[in-house]
Amino acid sequence: MTDIPDAEQIARDIRTNLDMLEEERAAVDAATAVREKAEKDEVAAQQAYNESIEEVRKGGLLTDALLERFNHPVAKRPGRPKKPAGKPAGASAASA
């Protein structure tokens, strides 16, 4: 007859495997919590940065041209007319 492990050994093996899985799950939960906190911190930092940029803009110390010069994305704000490309507004009348 083949060797059949006794029930106690099977129970110990199952318990050991369950304990290992529980430890792995706890480690994953901890890593997930750290990642979520880092994501929240990143969002808060970006928001603070955006608020600082807006505050400096309101003070008139920072312009879109300056931001573009340093490769900073410039937010499109409504209500600002775009400058036409080409000749200045009075140039066509002066040349005629």
N, C-alpha and C. Protein backbone atom coordinates (compact mmCIF):
# COMPACT_ATOMS: atom_id res chain seq x y z
N MET A 1 0.83 -1.17 0.00
CA MET A 1 0.00 0.00 0.00
C MET A 1 0.89 1.25 0.00
N THR A 2 0.40 2.34 -0.64
CA THR A 2 1.20 3.56 -0.69
C THR A 2 1.15 4.28 0.64
N ASP A 3 2.18 5.10 0.82
CA ASP A 3 2.22 5.88 2.06
C ASP A 3 1.23 7.04 1.96
N ILE A 4 0.38 7.12 2.93
CA ILE A 4 -0.59 8.21 2.99
C ILE A 4 -0.21 9.05 4.20
N PRO A 5 0.05 10.36 3.96
CA PRO A 5 0.40 11.19 5.11
C PRO A 5 -0.75 11.23 6.10
N ASP A 6 -0.39 11.26 7.34
CA ASP A 6 -1.47 11.26 8.33
C ASP A 6 -2.15 12.62 8.38
N ALA A 7 -3.33 12.65 8.90
CA ALA A 7 -4.17 13.84 8.90
C ALA A 7 -3.52 15.00 9.65
N GLU A 8 -2.78 14.70 10.71
CA GLU A 8 -2.14 15.77 11.48
C GLU A 8 -1.07 16.48 10.65
N GLN A 9 -0.31 15.73 9.87
CA GLN A 9 0.72 16.33 9.02
C GLN A 9 0.08 17.20 7.94
N ILE A 10 -0.99 16.72 7.36
CA ILE A 10 -1.70 17.50 6.34
C ILE A 10 -2.23 18.80 6.95
N ALA A 11 -2.79 18.71 8.14
CA ALA A 11 -3.31 19.89 8.82
C ALA A 11 -2.20 20.89 9.11
N ARG A 12 -1.02 20.41 9.54
CA ARG A 12 0.12 21.30 9.81
C ARG A 12 0.58 21.99 8.52
N ASP A 13 0.64 21.23 7.44
CA ASP A 13 1.07 21.81 6.16
C ASP A 13 0.09 22.89 5.68
N ILE A 14 -1.19 22.60 5.83
CA ILE A 14 -2.20 23.58 5.43
C ILE A 14 -2.09 24.84 6.28
N ARG A 15 -1.93 24.66 7.60
CA ARG A 15 -1.82 25.80 8.50
C ARG A 15 -0.57 26.62 8.16
N THR A 16 0.54 25.95 7.86
CA THR A 16 1.78 26.66 7.49
C THR A 16 1.57 27.47 6.22
N ASN A 17 0.94 26.86 5.23
CA ASN A 17 0.67 27.57 3.97
C ASN A 17 -0.27 28.76 4.18
N LEU A 18 -1.28 28.57 5.01
CA LEU A 18 -2.21 29.67 5.30
C LEU A 18 -1.50 30.81 6.02
N ASP A 19 -0.62 30.48 6.95
CA ASP A 19 0.14 31.51 7.67
C ASP A 19 1.04 32.30 6.71
N MET A 20 1.68 31.60 5.78
CA MET A 20 2.53 32.28 4.80
C MET A 20 1.70 33.21 3.92
N LEU A 21 0.53 32.73 3.50
CA LEU A 21 -0.33 33.57 2.68
C LEU A 21 -0.81 34.80 3.45
N GLU A 22 -1.11 34.63 4.72
CA GLU A 22 -1.54 35.75 5.55
C GLU A 22 -0.42 36.79 5.70
N GLU A 23 0.82 36.32 5.86
CA GLU A 23 1.96 37.24 5.95
C GLU A 23 2.14 38.00 4.64
N GLU A 24 2.00 37.30 3.52
CA GLU A 24 2.13 37.96 2.22
C GLU A 24 1.02 39.00 2.02
N ARG A 25 -0.18 38.66 2.44
CA ARG A 25 -1.29 39.60 2.30
C ARG A 25 -1.06 40.84 3.16
N ALA A 26 -0.54 40.64 4.37
CA ALA A 26 -0.24 41.78 5.24
C ALA A 26 0.84 42.67 4.61
N ALA A 27 1.84 42.06 3.99
CA ALA A 27 2.89 42.84 3.33
C ALA A 27 2.33 43.62 2.15
N VAL A 28 1.44 43.00 1.38
CA VAL A 28 0.82 43.69 0.24
C VAL A 28 -0.05 44.84 0.74
N ASP A 29 -0.80 44.62 1.81
CA ASP A 29 -1.64 45.68 2.38
C ASP A 29 -0.78 46.85 2.84
N ALA A 30 0.34 46.57 3.48
CA ALA A 30 1.24 47.63 3.95
C ALA A 30 1.82 48.40 2.77
N ALA A 31 2.25 47.69 1.74
CA ALA A 31 2.81 48.34 0.56
C ALA A 31 1.75 49.19 -0.15
N THR A 32 0.53 48.70 -0.19
CA THR A 32 -0.56 49.45 -0.81
C THR A 32 -0.83 50.74 -0.04
N ALA A 33 -0.81 50.66 1.28
CA ALA A 33 -1.03 51.85 2.10
C ALA A 33 0.07 52.89 1.87
N VAL A 34 1.31 52.43 1.75
CA VAL A 34 2.43 53.35 1.49
C VAL A 34 2.26 54.00 0.13
N ARG A 35 1.89 53.21 -0.88
CA ARG A 35 1.70 53.75 -2.23
C ARG A 35 0.57 54.77 -2.25
N GLU A 36 -0.55 54.46 -1.59
CA GLU A 36 -1.68 55.38 -1.57
C GLU A 36 -1.32 56.69 -0.88
N LYS A 37 -0.55 56.61 0.21
CA LYS A 37 -0.11 57.83 0.89
C LYS A 37 0.80 58.64 -0.01
N ALA A 38 1.70 57.98 -0.71
CA ALA A 38 2.60 58.69 -1.62
C ALA A 38 1.82 59.37 -2.74
N GLU A 39 0.80 58.71 -3.25
CA GLU A 39 -0.03 59.31 -4.30
C GLU A 39 -0.77 60.54 -3.77
N LYS A 40 -1.31 60.45 -2.56
CA LYS A 40 -2.00 61.59 -1.96
C LYS A 40 -1.03 62.74 -1.73
N ASP A 41 0.17 62.42 -1.25
CA ASP A 41 1.19 63.45 -1.02
C ASP A 41 1.58 64.13 -2.33
N GLU A 42 1.68 63.34 -3.40
CA GLU A 42 2.04 63.89 -4.70
C GLU A 42 0.95 64.84 -5.21
N VAL A 43 -0.31 64.45 -5.04
CA VAL A 43 -1.42 65.31 -5.46
C VAL A 43 -1.42 66.60 -4.65
N ALA A 44 -1.19 66.49 -3.34
CA ALA A 44 -1.16 67.68 -2.49
C ALA A 44 0.00 68.60 -2.88
N ALA A 45 1.15 68.02 -3.18
CA ALA A 45 2.31 68.83 -3.58
C ALA A 45 2.04 69.53 -4.91
N GLN A 46 1.43 68.83 -5.85
CA GLN A 46 1.11 69.44 -7.14
C GLN A 46 0.11 70.57 -6.97
N GLN A 47 -0.86 70.37 -6.10
CA GLN A 47 -1.86 71.40 -5.85
C GLN A 47 -1.21 72.63 -5.21
N ALA A 48 -0.33 72.41 -4.24
CA ALA A 48 0.38 73.53 -3.61
C ALA A 48 1.24 74.27 -4.63
N TYR A 49 1.89 73.52 -5.50
CA TYR A 49 2.71 74.12 -6.55
C TYR A 49 1.85 74.98 -7.47
N ASN A 50 0.72 74.43 -7.91
CA ASN A 50 -0.17 75.18 -8.80
C ASN A 50 -0.69 76.44 -8.12
N GLU A 51 -1.02 76.35 -6.84
CA GLU A 51 -1.48 77.52 -6.10
C GLU A 51 -0.38 78.57 -6.00
N SER A 52 0.85 78.13 -5.80
CA SER A 52 1.97 79.06 -5.73
C SER A 52 2.18 79.77 -7.06
N ILE A 53 2.12 79.01 -8.15
CA ILE A 53 2.27 79.60 -9.49
C ILE A 53 1.17 80.63 -9.71
N GLU A 54 -0.05 80.30 -9.35
CA GLU A 54 -1.17 81.23 -9.55
C GLU A 54 -0.98 82.48 -8.70
N GLU A 55 -0.50 82.33 -7.48
CA GLU A 55 -0.26 83.48 -6.61
C GLU A 55 0.79 84.41 -7.21
N VAL A 56 1.85 83.84 -7.74
CA VAL A 56 2.90 84.65 -8.36
C VAL A 56 2.37 85.33 -9.62
N ARG A 57 1.55 84.63 -10.37
CA ARG A 57 0.95 85.24 -11.57
C ARG A 57 0.09 86.43 -11.19
N LYS A 58 -0.71 86.27 -10.14
CA LYS A 58 -1.57 87.37 -9.71
C LYS A 58 -0.75 88.58 -9.32
N GLY A 59 0.41 88.35 -8.76
CA GLY A 59 1.30 89.44 -8.38
C GLY A 59 1.99 90.08 -9.58
N GLY A 60 1.83 89.49 -10.75
CA GLY A 60 2.41 90.05 -11.96
C GLY A 60 3.88 89.72 -12.15
N LEU A 61 4.41 88.81 -11.36
CA LEU A 61 5.83 88.50 -11.45
C LEU A 61 6.13 87.37 -12.42
N LEU A 62 5.11 86.69 -12.86
CA LEU A 62 5.31 85.53 -13.73
C LEU A 62 4.38 85.64 -14.92
N THR A 63 4.93 85.53 -16.10
CA THR A 63 4.12 85.64 -17.32
C THR A 63 4.12 84.32 -18.06
N ASP A 64 3.18 84.17 -18.97
CA ASP A 64 3.12 82.96 -19.79
C ASP A 64 4.40 82.81 -20.61
N ALA A 65 4.92 83.92 -21.12
CA ALA A 65 6.14 83.85 -21.93
C ALA A 65 7.31 83.32 -21.11
N LEU A 66 7.40 83.76 -19.87
CA LEU A 66 8.48 83.28 -19.00
C LEU A 66 8.31 81.79 -18.71
N LEU A 67 7.08 81.37 -18.44
CA LEU A 67 6.83 79.96 -18.20
C LEU A 67 7.20 79.12 -19.42
N GLU A 68 6.78 79.58 -20.60
CA GLU A 68 7.08 78.83 -21.82
C GLU A 68 8.58 78.75 -22.07
N ARG A 69 9.29 79.80 -21.72
CA ARG A 69 10.75 79.81 -21.92
C ARG A 69 11.42 78.69 -21.14
N PHE A 70 10.87 78.35 -19.99
CA PHE A 70 11.43 77.28 -19.16
C PHE A 70 10.67 75.97 -19.33
N ASN A 71 10.00 75.83 -20.47
CA ASN A 71 9.28 74.60 -20.82
C ASN A 71 8.23 74.20 -19.80
N HIS A 72 7.62 75.17 -19.16
CA HIS A 72 6.55 74.90 -18.21
C HIS A 72 5.23 74.94 -18.98
N PRO A 73 4.35 73.96 -18.76
CA PRO A 73 3.07 74.00 -19.47
C PRO A 73 2.25 75.20 -19.03
N VAL A 74 1.75 75.93 -19.97
CA VAL A 74 0.95 77.12 -19.68
C VAL A 74 -0.51 76.73 -19.79
N ALA A 75 -1.25 76.97 -18.72
CA ALA A 75 -2.67 76.64 -18.71
C ALA A 75 -3.40 77.61 -19.62
N LYS A 76 -4.31 77.07 -20.40
CA LYS A 76 -5.12 77.92 -21.26
C LYS A 76 -6.21 78.53 -20.40
N ARG A 77 -6.22 79.83 -20.34
CA ARG A 77 -7.21 80.53 -19.53
C ARG A 77 -8.21 81.20 -20.46
N PRO A 78 -9.49 81.10 -20.15
CA PRO A 78 -10.51 81.72 -21.00
C PRO A 78 -10.44 83.24 -20.92
N GLY A 79 -10.86 83.88 -22.00
CA GLY A 79 -10.97 85.33 -21.97
C GLY A 79 -9.72 86.07 -22.38
N ARG A 80 -8.67 85.37 -22.77
CA ARG A 80 -7.45 86.04 -23.20
C ARG A 80 -7.35 85.89 -24.71
N PRO A 81 -7.42 87.00 -25.43
CA PRO A 81 -7.31 86.90 -26.89
C PRO A 81 -5.89 86.51 -27.29
N LYS A 82 -5.82 85.71 -28.33
CA LYS A 82 -4.51 85.32 -28.84
C LYS A 82 -3.98 86.44 -29.72
N LYS A 83 -2.68 86.62 -29.70
CA LYS A 83 -2.05 87.62 -30.56
C LYS A 83 -2.01 87.05 -31.97
N PRO A 84 -2.42 87.84 -32.96
CA PRO A 84 -2.37 87.33 -34.32
C PRO A 84 -0.93 87.20 -34.80
N ALA A 85 -0.69 86.17 -35.56
CA ALA A 85 0.65 85.97 -36.10
C ALA A 85 0.85 86.92 -37.27
N GLY A 86 2.06 87.36 -37.45
CA GLY A 86 2.35 88.22 -38.60
C GLY A 86 2.57 89.65 -38.18
N LYS A 87 2.04 90.58 -38.98
CA LYS A 87 2.29 92.01 -38.78
C LYS A 87 1.52 92.54 -37.58
N PRO A 88 2.06 93.53 -36.89
CA PRO A 88 1.32 94.19 -35.81
C PRO A 88 0.10 94.90 -36.38
N ALA A 89 -0.82 95.26 -35.52
CA ALA A 89 -2.11 95.81 -35.94
C ALA A 89 -1.96 97.07 -36.79
N GLY A 90 -1.09 98.00 -36.47
CA GLY A 90 -0.96 99.25 -37.20
C GLY A 90 -0.05 99.16 -38.41
N ALA A 91 0.59 98.04 -38.67
CA ALA A 91 1.58 97.92 -39.74
C ALA A 91 0.95 97.98 -41.13
N SER A 92 -0.22 97.40 -41.30
CA SER A 92 -0.82 97.38 -42.64
C SER A 92 -1.27 98.78 -43.06
N ALA A 93 -1.75 99.59 -42.14
CA ALA A 93 -2.19 100.95 -42.46
C ALA A 93 -0.98 101.84 -42.77
N ALA A 94 0.12 101.62 -42.08
CA ALA A 94 1.32 102.44 -42.28
C ALA A 94 1.98 102.14 -43.61
N SER A 95 1.92 100.90 -44.06
CA SER A 95 2.58 100.53 -45.31
C SER A 95 1.75 100.91 -46.53
N ALA A 96 0.44 101.19 -46.35
CA ALA A 96 -0.43 101.50 -47.48
C ALA A 96 -0.32 102.91 -47.95
